[in-house]
Amino acid sequence: MLKKLLKLAEMLDTEGFYKEADEITKIIAKWKKTPKVEKGKFTAWCGAHGHSSVNQACINAAASAGGNAAKMANFAVNANPGKWTYPKKKD
């Protein structure tokens, strides 16, 4: 099917089609890039702050610490629904 479309495009408008195809290929290549994953960063943070692993106590400590630790704790809670809860802010 793709070969037929390419042949048809060559007959109709070779230059315009290939410019479009190049642009589409570049866009798809950007989408396919996998983001840099910092695997184990929150587990390491928990270990450095006296916790054996990621647990509710570590999430509470990270949330109160603020900054990147709080962001990692929030991600851990959202990635594991029902396992942990993010501490509620005091009124």
PDB file of N, CA and C in Angstrom:
ATOM      1  N   MET A   1       0.827  -1.192   0.000  1.00  0.00           N
ATOM      2  CA  MET A   1       0.000   0.000   0.000  1.00  0.00           C
ATOM      3  C   MET A   1       0.869   1.253   0.000  1.00  0.00           C
ATOM      4  N   LEU A   2       1.880   1.261   0.863  1.00  0.00           N
ATOM      5  CA  LEU A   2       2.769   2.410   0.949  1.00  0.00           C
ATOM      6  C   LEU A   2       3.536   2.612  -0.355  1.00  0.00           C
ATOM      7  N   LYS A   3       3.961   1.519  -0.969  1.00  0.00           N
ATOM      8  CA  LYS A   3       4.690   1.620  -2.234  1.00  0.00           C
ATOM      9  C   LYS A   3       3.812   2.234  -3.319  1.00  0.00           C
ATOM     10  N   LYS A   4       2.539   1.846  -3.332  1.00  0.00           N
ATOM     11  CA  LYS A   4       1.618   2.402  -4.315  1.00  0.00           C
ATOM     12  C   LYS A   4       1.434   3.895  -4.105  1.00  0.00           C
ATOM     13  N   LEU A   5       1.336   4.308  -2.842  1.00  0.00           N
ATOM     14  CA  LEU A   5       1.182   5.722  -2.542  1.00  0.00           C
ATOM     15  C   LEU A   5       2.429   6.511  -2.939  1.00  0.00           C
ATOM     16  N   LEU A   6       3.592   5.939  -2.696  1.00  0.00           N
ATOM     17  CA  LEU A   6       4.829   6.615  -3.076  1.00  0.00           C
ATOM     18  C   LEU A   6       4.938   6.772  -4.594  1.00  0.00           C
ATOM     19  N   LYS A   7       4.576   5.734  -5.337  1.00  0.00           N
ATOM     20  CA  LYS A   7       4.614   5.822  -6.801  1.00  0.00           C
ATOM     21  C   LYS A   7       3.624   6.865  -7.306  1.00  0.00           C
ATOM     22  N   LEU A   8       2.451   6.896  -6.713  1.00  0.00           N
ATOM     23  CA  LEU A   8       1.452   7.880  -7.093  1.00  0.00           C
ATOM     24  C   LEU A   8       1.945   9.291  -6.790  1.00  0.00           C
ATOM     25  N   ALA A   9       2.586   9.457  -5.656  1.00  0.00           N
ATOM     26  CA  ALA A   9       3.118  10.770  -5.287  1.00  0.00           C
ATOM     27  C   ALA A   9       4.223  11.198  -6.240  1.00  0.00           C
ATOM     28  N   GLU A  10       5.041  10.264  -6.662  1.00  0.00           N
ATOM     29  CA  GLU A  10       6.099  10.582  -7.624  1.00  0.00           C
ATOM     30  C   GLU A  10       5.504  11.085  -8.931  1.00  0.00           C
ATOM     31  N   MET A  11       4.441  10.460  -9.365  1.00  0.00           N
ATOM     32  CA  MET A  11       3.815  10.875 -10.614  1.00  0.00           C
ATOM     33  C   MET A  11       3.159  12.243 -10.471  1.00  0.00           C
ATOM     34  N   LEU A  12       2.577  12.521  -9.332  1.00  0.00           N
ATOM     35  CA  LEU A  12       1.842  13.776  -9.160  1.00  0.00           C
ATOM     36  C   LEU A  12       2.753  14.958  -8.833  1.00  0.00           C
ATOM     37  N   ASP A  13       3.441  14.861  -7.707  1.00  0.00           N
ATOM     38  CA  ASP A  13       4.235  16.009  -7.245  1.00  0.00           C
ATOM     39  C   ASP A  13       5.378  15.489  -6.397  1.00  0.00           C
ATOM     40  N   THR A  14       6.454  15.141  -7.047  1.00  0.00           N
ATOM     41  CA  THR A  14       7.573  14.513  -6.361  1.00  0.00           C
ATOM     42  C   THR A  14       8.167  15.406  -5.281  1.00  0.00           C
ATOM     43  N   GLU A  15       8.524  16.618  -5.631  1.00  0.00           N
ATOM     44  CA  GLU A  15       9.248  17.478  -4.706  1.00  0.00           C
ATOM     45  C   GLU A  15       8.403  17.868  -3.495  1.00  0.00           C
ATOM     46  N   GLY A  16       7.164  18.247  -3.720  1.00  0.00           N
ATOM     47  CA  GLY A  16       6.286  18.656  -2.619  1.00  0.00           C
ATOM     48  C   GLY A  16       6.003  17.515  -1.655  1.00  0.00           C
ATOM     49  N   PHE A  17       5.801  16.333  -2.209  1.00  0.00           N
ATOM     50  CA  PHE A  17       5.508  15.182  -1.361  1.00  0.00           C
ATOM     51  C   PHE A  17       6.685  14.845  -0.471  1.00  0.00           C
ATOM     52  N   TYR A  18       7.873  14.826  -1.021  1.00  0.00           N
ATOM     53  CA  TYR A  18       9.035  14.424  -0.229  1.00  0.00           C
ATOM     54  C   TYR A  18       9.382  15.465   0.833  1.00  0.00           C
ATOM     55  N   LYS A  19       9.109  16.731   0.564  1.00  0.00           N
ATOM     56  CA  LYS A  19       9.310  17.747   1.610  1.00  0.00           C
ATOM     57  C   LYS A  19       8.357  17.487   2.771  1.00  0.00           C
ATOM     58  N   GLU A  20       7.116  17.195   2.459  1.00  0.00           N
ATOM     59  CA  GLU A  20       6.132  16.881   3.502  1.00  0.00           C
ATOM     60  C   GLU A  20       6.537  15.622   4.253  1.00  0.00           C
ATOM     61  N   ALA A  21       6.974  14.610   3.531  1.00  0.00           N
ATOM     62  CA  ALA A  21       7.374  13.354   4.159  1.00  0.00           C
ATOM     63  C   ALA A  21       8.556  13.569   5.098  1.00  0.00           C
ATOM     64  N   ASP A  22       9.509  14.415   4.702  1.00  0.00           N
ATOM     65  CA  ASP A  22      10.650  14.717   5.560  1.00  0.00           C
ATOM     66  C   ASP A  22      10.207  15.408   6.843  1.00  0.00           C
ATOM     67  N   GLU A  23       9.282  16.345   6.715  1.00  0.00           N
ATOM     68  CA  GLU A  23       8.778  17.048   7.902  1.00  0.00           C
ATOM     69  C   GLU A  23       8.054  16.080   8.836  1.00  0.00           C
ATOM     70  N   ILE A  24       7.240  15.218   8.273  1.00  0.00           N
ATOM     71  CA  ILE A  24       6.508  14.237   9.080  1.00  0.00           C
ATOM     72  C   ILE A  24       7.479  13.282   9.767  1.00  0.00           C
ATOM     73  N   THR A  25       8.511  12.867   9.056  1.00  0.00           N
ATOM     74  CA  THR A  25       9.512  11.969   9.624  1.00  0.00           C
ATOM     75  C   THR A  25      10.227  12.634  10.792  1.00  0.00           C
ATOM     76  N   LYS A  26      10.549  13.918  10.668  1.00  0.00           N
ATOM     77  CA  LYS A  26      11.211  14.644  11.759  1.00  0.00           C
ATOM     78  C   LYS A  26      10.305  14.749  12.982  1.00  0.00           C
ATOM     79  N   ILE A  27       9.031  15.007  12.754  1.00  0.00           N
ATOM     80  CA  ILE A  27       8.084  15.118  13.866  1.00  0.00           C
ATOM     81  C   ILE A  27       7.947  13.780  14.583  1.00  0.00           C
ATOM     82  N   ILE A  28       7.834  12.703  13.813  1.00  0.00           N
ATOM     83  CA  ILE A  28       7.712  11.371  14.411  1.00  0.00           C
ATOM     84  C   ILE A  28       8.973  11.011  15.188  1.00  0.00           C
ATOM     85  N   ALA A  29      10.135  11.385  14.676  1.00  0.00           N
ATOM     86  CA  ALA A  29      11.395  11.094  15.369  1.00  0.00           C
ATOM     87  C   ALA A  29      11.438  11.814  16.721  1.00  0.00           C
ATOM     88  N   LYS A  30      10.921  13.034  16.785  1.00  0.00           N
ATOM     89  CA  LYS A  30      10.874  13.766  18.057  1.00  0.00           C
ATOM     90  C   LYS A  30       9.943  13.060  19.040  1.00  0.00           C
ATOM     91  N   TRP A  31       8.812  12.559  18.570  1.00  0.00           N
ATOM     92  CA  TRP A  31       7.860  11.870  19.429  1.00  0.00           C
ATOM     93  C   TRP A  31       8.440  10.580  19.979  1.00  0.00           C
ATOM     94  N   LYS A  32       9.235   9.891  19.159  1.00  0.00           N
ATOM     95  CA  LYS A  32       9.750   8.588  19.550  1.00  0.00           C
ATOM     96  C   LYS A  32      10.890   8.672  20.565  1.00  0.00           C
ATOM     97  N   LYS A  33      11.486   9.847  20.751  1.00  0.00           N
ATOM     98  CA  LYS A  33      12.580   9.965  21.705  1.00  0.00           C
ATOM     99  C   LYS A  33      12.072   9.646  23.103  1.00  0.00           C
ATOM    100  N   THR A  34      12.757   8.745  23.757  1.00  0.00           N
ATOM    101  CA  THR A  34      12.363   8.403  25.113  1.00  0.00           C
ATOM    102  C   THR A  34      12.973   9.406  26.077  1.00  0.00           C
ATOM    103  N   PRO A  35      12.192   9.850  27.035  1.00  0.00           N
ATOM    104  CA  PRO A  35      12.716  10.820  27.985  1.00  0.00           C
ATOM    105  C   PRO A  35      13.753  10.192  28.907  1.00  0.00           C
ATOM    106  N   LYS A  36      14.628  11.021  29.410  1.00  0.00           N
ATOM    107  CA  LYS A  36      15.654  10.551  30.328  1.00  0.00           C
ATOM    108  C   LYS A  36      14.966  10.191  31.652  1.00  0.00           C
ATOM    109  N   VAL A  37      15.149   8.975  32.075  1.00  0.00           N
ATOM    110  CA  VAL A  37      14.528   8.504  33.305  1.00  0.00           C
ATOM    111  C   VAL A  37      15.592   8.405  34.382  1.00  0.00           C
ATOM    112  N   GLU A  38      15.306   9.009  35.495  1.00  0.00           N
ATOM    113  CA  GLU A  38      16.228   8.952  36.623  1.00  0.00           C
ATOM    114  C   GLU A  38      15.739   7.870  37.575  1.00  0.00           C
ATOM    115  N   LYS A  39      15.943   6.643  37.172  1.00  0.00           N
ATOM    116  CA  LYS A  39      15.421   5.504  37.915  1.00  0.00           C
ATOM    117  C   LYS A  39      16.127   5.365  39.261  1.00  0.00           C
ATOM    118  N   GLY A  40      15.332   5.228  40.305  1.00  0.00           N
ATOM    119  CA  GLY A  40      15.883   4.986  41.631  1.00  0.00           C
ATOM    120  C   GLY A  40      16.286   6.234  42.383  1.00  0.00           C
ATOM    121  N   LYS A  41      16.023   7.400  41.843  1.00  0.00           N
ATOM    122  CA  LYS A  41      16.449   8.628  42.494  1.00  0.00           C
ATOM    123  C   LYS A  41      15.689   8.846  43.808  1.00  0.00           C
ATOM    124  N   PHE A  42      14.393   8.582  43.814  1.00  0.00           N
ATOM    125  CA  PHE A  42      13.616   8.771  45.032  1.00  0.00           C
ATOM    126  C   PHE A  42      13.953   7.694  46.066  1.00  0.00           C
ATOM    127  N   THR A  43      14.202   6.489  45.613  1.00  0.00           N
ATOM    128  CA  THR A  43      14.623   5.417  46.527  1.00  0.00           C
ATOM    129  C   THR A  43      15.949   5.791  47.182  1.00  0.00           C
ATOM    130  N   ALA A  44      16.855   6.356  46.401  1.00  0.00           N
ATOM    131  CA  ALA A  44      18.142   6.796  46.950  1.00  0.00           C
ATOM    132  C   ALA A  44      17.936   7.932  47.951  1.00  0.00           C
ATOM    133  N   TRP A  45      17.027   8.844  47.645  1.00  0.00           N
ATOM    134  CA  TRP A  45      16.734   9.944  48.562  1.00  0.00           C
ATOM    135  C   TRP A  45      16.197   9.391  49.877  1.00  0.00           C
ATOM    136  N   CYS A  46      15.300   8.435  49.794  1.00  0.00           N
ATOM    137  CA  CYS A  46      14.738   7.822  51.007  1.00  0.00           C
ATOM    138  C   CYS A  46      15.836   7.150  51.834  1.00  0.00           C
ATOM    139  N   GLY A  47      16.725   6.424  51.170  1.00  0.00           N
ATOM    140  CA  GLY A  47      17.819   5.750  51.873  1.00  0.00           C
ATOM    141  C   GLY A  47      18.751   6.741  52.543  1.00  0.00           C
ATOM    142  N   ALA A  48      19.008   7.856  51.883  1.00  0.00           N
ATOM    143  CA  ALA A  48      19.895   8.875  52.446  1.00  0.00           C
ATOM    144  C   ALA A  48      19.274   9.600  53.630  1.00  0.00           C
ATOM    145  N   HIS A  49      17.961   9.516  53.762  1.00  0.00           N
ATOM    146  CA  HIS A  49      17.272  10.196  54.857  1.00  0.00           C
ATOM    147  C   HIS A  49      16.741   9.221  55.912  1.00  0.00           C
ATOM    148  N   GLY A  50      17.342   8.042  55.972  1.00  0.00           N
ATOM    149  CA  GLY A  50      17.057   7.115  57.063  1.00  0.00           C
ATOM    150  C   GLY A  50      15.894   6.165  56.875  1.00  0.00           C
ATOM    151  N   HIS A  51      15.428   6.006  55.661  1.00  0.00           N
ATOM    152  CA  HIS A  51      14.318   5.084  55.405  1.00  0.00           C
ATOM    153  C   HIS A  51      14.862   3.870  54.660  1.00  0.00           C
ATOM    154  N   SER A  52      14.307   2.710  54.953  1.00  0.00           N
ATOM    155  CA  SER A  52      14.797   1.483  54.319  1.00  0.00           C
ATOM    156  C   SER A  52      14.450   1.418  52.833  1.00  0.00           C
ATOM    157  N   SER A  53      13.301   1.969  52.472  1.00  0.00           N
ATOM    158  CA  SER A  53      12.864   1.998  51.073  1.00  0.00           C
ATOM    159  C   SER A  53      11.792   3.075  50.948  1.00  0.00           C
ATOM    160  N   VAL A  54      11.133   3.103  49.805  1.00  0.00           N
ATOM    161  CA  VAL A  54      10.024   4.044  49.631  1.00  0.00           C
ATOM    162  C   VAL A  54       8.837   3.495  50.419  1.00  0.00           C
ATOM    163  N   ASN A  55       8.402   4.257  51.390  1.00  0.00           N
ATOM    164  CA  ASN A  55       7.244   3.880  52.194  1.00  0.00           C
ATOM    165  C   ASN A  55       6.501   5.157  52.580  1.00  0.00           C
ATOM    166  N   GLN A  56       5.424   5.015  53.336  1.00  0.00           N
ATOM    167  CA  GLN A  56       4.607   6.175  53.678  1.00  0.00           C
ATOM    168  C   GLN A  56       5.397   7.192  54.502  1.00  0.00           C
ATOM    169  N   ALA A  57       6.252   6.712  55.407  1.00  0.00           N
ATOM    170  CA  ALA A  57       7.054   7.630  56.222  1.00  0.00           C
ATOM    171  C   ALA A  57       8.015   8.442  55.350  1.00  0.00           C
ATOM    172  N   CYS A  58       8.604   7.808  54.349  1.00  0.00           N
ATOM    173  CA  CYS A  58       9.510   8.501  53.438  1.00  0.00           C
ATOM    174  C   CYS A  58       8.751   9.534  52.609  1.00  0.00           C
ATOM    175  N   ILE A  59       7.561   9.193  52.162  1.00  0.00           N
ATOM    176  CA  ILE A  59       6.750  10.126  51.382  1.00  0.00           C
ATOM    177  C   ILE A  59       6.377  11.336  52.229  1.00  0.00           C
ATOM    178  N   ASN A  60       6.021  11.100  53.488  1.00  0.00           N
ATOM    179  CA  ASN A  60       5.686  12.203  54.389  1.00  0.00           C
ATOM    180  C   ASN A  60       6.898  13.117  54.600  1.00  0.00           C
ATOM    181  N   ALA A  61       8.081  12.520  54.788  1.00  0.00           N
ATOM    182  CA  ALA A  61       9.301  13.300  54.995  1.00  0.00           C
ATOM    183  C   ALA A  61       9.654  14.115  53.752  1.00  0.00           C
ATOM    184  N   ALA A  62       9.518  13.506  52.591  1.00  0.00           N
ATOM    185  CA  ALA A  62       9.833  14.201  51.345  1.00  0.00           C
ATOM    186  C   ALA A  62       8.858  15.350  51.089  1.00  0.00           C
ATOM    187  N   ALA A  63       7.596  15.119  51.399  1.00  0.00           N
ATOM    188  CA  ALA A  63       6.594  16.167  51.206  1.00  0.00           C
ATOM    189  C   ALA A  63       6.872  17.358  52.110  1.00  0.00           C
ATOM    190  N   SER A  64       7.295  17.101  53.326  1.00  0.00           N
ATOM    191  CA  SER A  64       7.591  18.202  54.241  1.00  0.00           C
ATOM    192  C   SER A  64       8.912  18.880  53.888  1.00  0.00           C
ATOM    193  N   ALA A  65       9.819  18.161  53.211  1.00  0.00           N
ATOM    194  CA  ALA A  65      11.098  18.749  52.802  1.00  0.00           C
ATOM    195  C   ALA A  65      10.908  19.751  51.675  1.00  0.00           C
ATOM    196  N   GLY A  66       9.925  19.509  50.824  1.00  0.00           N
ATOM    197  CA  GLY A  66       9.643  20.420  49.714  1.00  0.00           C
ATOM    198  C   GLY A  66      10.607  20.235  48.552  1.00  0.00           C
ATOM    199  N   GLY A  67      10.493  21.089  47.564  1.00  0.00           N
ATOM    200  CA  GLY A  67      11.380  21.068  46.395  1.00  0.00           C
ATOM    201  C   GLY A  67      11.242  19.813  45.561  1.00  0.00           C
ATOM    202  N   ASN A  68      12.385  19.324  45.028  1.00  0.00           N
ATOM    203  CA  ASN A  68      12.373  18.135  44.172  1.00  0.00           C
ATOM    204  C   ASN A  68      11.935  16.894  44.922  1.00  0.00           C
ATOM    205  N   ALA A  69      12.261  16.814  46.207  1.00  0.00           N
ATOM    206  CA  ALA A  69      11.855  15.645  47.000  1.00  0.00           C
ATOM    207  C   ALA A  69      10.337  15.541  47.045  1.00  0.00           C
ATOM    208  N   ALA A  70       9.662  16.673  47.209  1.00  0.00           N
ATOM    209  CA  ALA A  70       8.195  16.669  47.239  1.00  0.00           C
ATOM    210  C   ALA A  70       7.624  16.264  45.883  1.00  0.00           C
ATOM    211  N   LYS A  71       8.279  16.703  44.803  1.00  0.00           N
ATOM    212  CA  LYS A  71       7.820  16.327  43.466  1.00  0.00           C
ATOM    213  C   LYS A  71       7.971  14.824  43.243  1.00  0.00           C
ATOM    214  N   MET A  72       9.095  14.274  43.704  1.00  0.00           N
ATOM    215  CA  MET A  72       9.308  12.829  43.551  1.00  0.00           C
ATOM    216  C   MET A  72       8.310  12.044  44.386  1.00  0.00           C
ATOM    217  N   ALA A  73       8.012  12.544  45.592  1.00  0.00           N
ATOM    218  CA  ALA A  73       7.031  11.878  46.458  1.00  0.00           C
ATOM    219  C   ALA A  73       5.650  11.905  45.808  1.00  0.00           C
ATOM    220  N   ASN A  74       5.293  13.032  45.227  1.00  0.00           N
ATOM    221  CA  ASN A  74       4.002  13.156  44.549  1.00  0.00           C
ATOM    222  C   ASN A  74       3.918  12.187  43.385  1.00  0.00           C
ATOM    223  N   PHE A  75       5.011  12.044  42.632  1.00  0.00           N
ATOM    224  CA  PHE A  75       5.026  11.102  41.513  1.00  0.00           C
ATOM    225  C   PHE A  75       4.871   9.668  42.019  1.00  0.00           C
ATOM    226  N   ALA A  76       5.552   9.335  43.121  1.00  0.00           N
ATOM    227  CA  ALA A  76       5.448   7.983  43.675  1.00  0.00           C
ATOM    228  C   ALA A  76       4.016   7.672  44.086  1.00  0.00           C
ATOM    229  N   VAL A  77       3.344   8.652  44.676  1.00  0.00           N
ATOM    230  CA  VAL A  77       1.945   8.453  45.083  1.00  0.00           C
ATOM    231  C   VAL A  77       1.056   8.269  43.862  1.00  0.00           C
ATOM    232  N   ASN A  78       1.243   9.094  42.843  1.00  0.00           N
ATOM    233  CA  ASN A  78       0.402   9.017  41.647  1.00  0.00           C
ATOM    234  C   ASN A  78       0.680   7.765  40.823  1.00  0.00           C
ATOM    235  N   ALA A  79       1.932   7.272  40.872  1.00  0.00           N
ATOM    236  CA  ALA A  79       2.286   6.086  40.095  1.00  0.00           C
ATOM    237  C   ALA A  79       1.778   4.801  40.744  1.00  0.00           C
ATOM    238  N   ASN A  80       1.486   4.864  42.027  1.00  0.00           N
ATOM    239  CA  ASN A  80       1.011   3.678  42.762  1.00  0.00           C
ATOM    240  C   ASN A  80      -0.278   4.003  43.490  1.00  0.00           C
ATOM    241  N   PRO A  81      -1.371   4.169  42.767  1.00  0.00           N
ATOM    242  CA  PRO A  81      -2.625   4.560  43.419  1.00  0.00           C
ATOM    243  C   PRO A  81      -3.094   3.505  44.410  1.00  0.00           C
ATOM    244  N   GLY A  82      -3.489   3.965  45.580  1.00  0.00           N
ATOM    245  CA  GLY A  82      -3.979   3.058  46.614  1.00  0.00           C
ATOM    246  C   GLY A  82      -2.898   2.524  47.531  1.00  0.00           C
ATOM    247  N   LYS A  83      -1.654   2.587  47.109  1.00  0.00           N
ATOM    248  CA  LYS A  83      -0.570   2.063  47.936  1.00  0.00           C
ATOM    249  C   LYS A  83      -0.130   3.091  48.973  1.00  0.00           C
ATOM    250  N   TRP A  84       0.011   4.350  48.538  1.00  0.00           N
ATOM    251  CA  TRP A  84       0.416   5.421  49.431  1.00  0.00           C
ATOM    252  C   TRP A  84      -0.498   6.615  49.220  1.00  0.00           C
ATOM    253  N   THR A  85      -0.461   7.540  50.173  1.00  0.00           N
ATOM    254  CA  THR A  85      -1.227   8.780  50.039  1.00  0.00           C
ATOM    255  C   THR A  85      -0.307   9.953  50.302  1.00  0.00           C
ATOM    256  N   TYR A  86      -0.561  11.038  49.616  1.00  0.00           N
ATOM    257  CA  TYR A  86       0.218  12.247  49.825  1.00  0.00           C
ATOM    258  C   TYR A  86      -0.365  12.957  51.044  1.00  0.00           C
ATOM    259  N   PRO A  87       0.467  13.417  51.967  1.00  0.00           N
ATOM    260  CA  PRO A  87      -0.075  14.066  53.173  1.00  0.00           C
ATOM    261  C   PRO A  87      -0.841  15.329  52.832  1.00  0.00           C
ATOM    262  N   LYS A  88      -1.954  15.512  53.536  1.00  0.00           N
ATOM    263  CA  LYS A  88      -2.784  16.693  53.301  1.00  0.00           C
ATOM    264  C   LYS A  88      -2.160  17.903  53.979  1.00  0.00           C
ATOM    265  N   LYS A  89      -2.338  19.069  53.346  1.00  0.00           N
ATOM    266  CA  LYS A  89      -1.830  20.302  53.923  1.00  0.00           C
ATOM    267  C   LYS A  89      -2.687  20.687  55.117  1.00  0.00           C
ATOM    268  N   LYS A  90      -2.032  21.246  56.120  1.00  0.00           N
ATOM    269  CA  LYS A  90      -2.771  21.705  57.290  1.00  0.00           C
ATOM    270  C   LYS A  90      -3.450  23.019  56.969  1.00  0.00           C
ATOM    271  N   ASP A  91      -4.675  23.193  57.480  1.00  0.00           N
ATOM    272  CA  ASP A  91      -5.435  24.426  57.220  1.00  0.00           C
ATOM    273  C   ASP A  91      -4.917  25.571  58.035  1.00  0.00           C
TER     274      ASP A  91
END
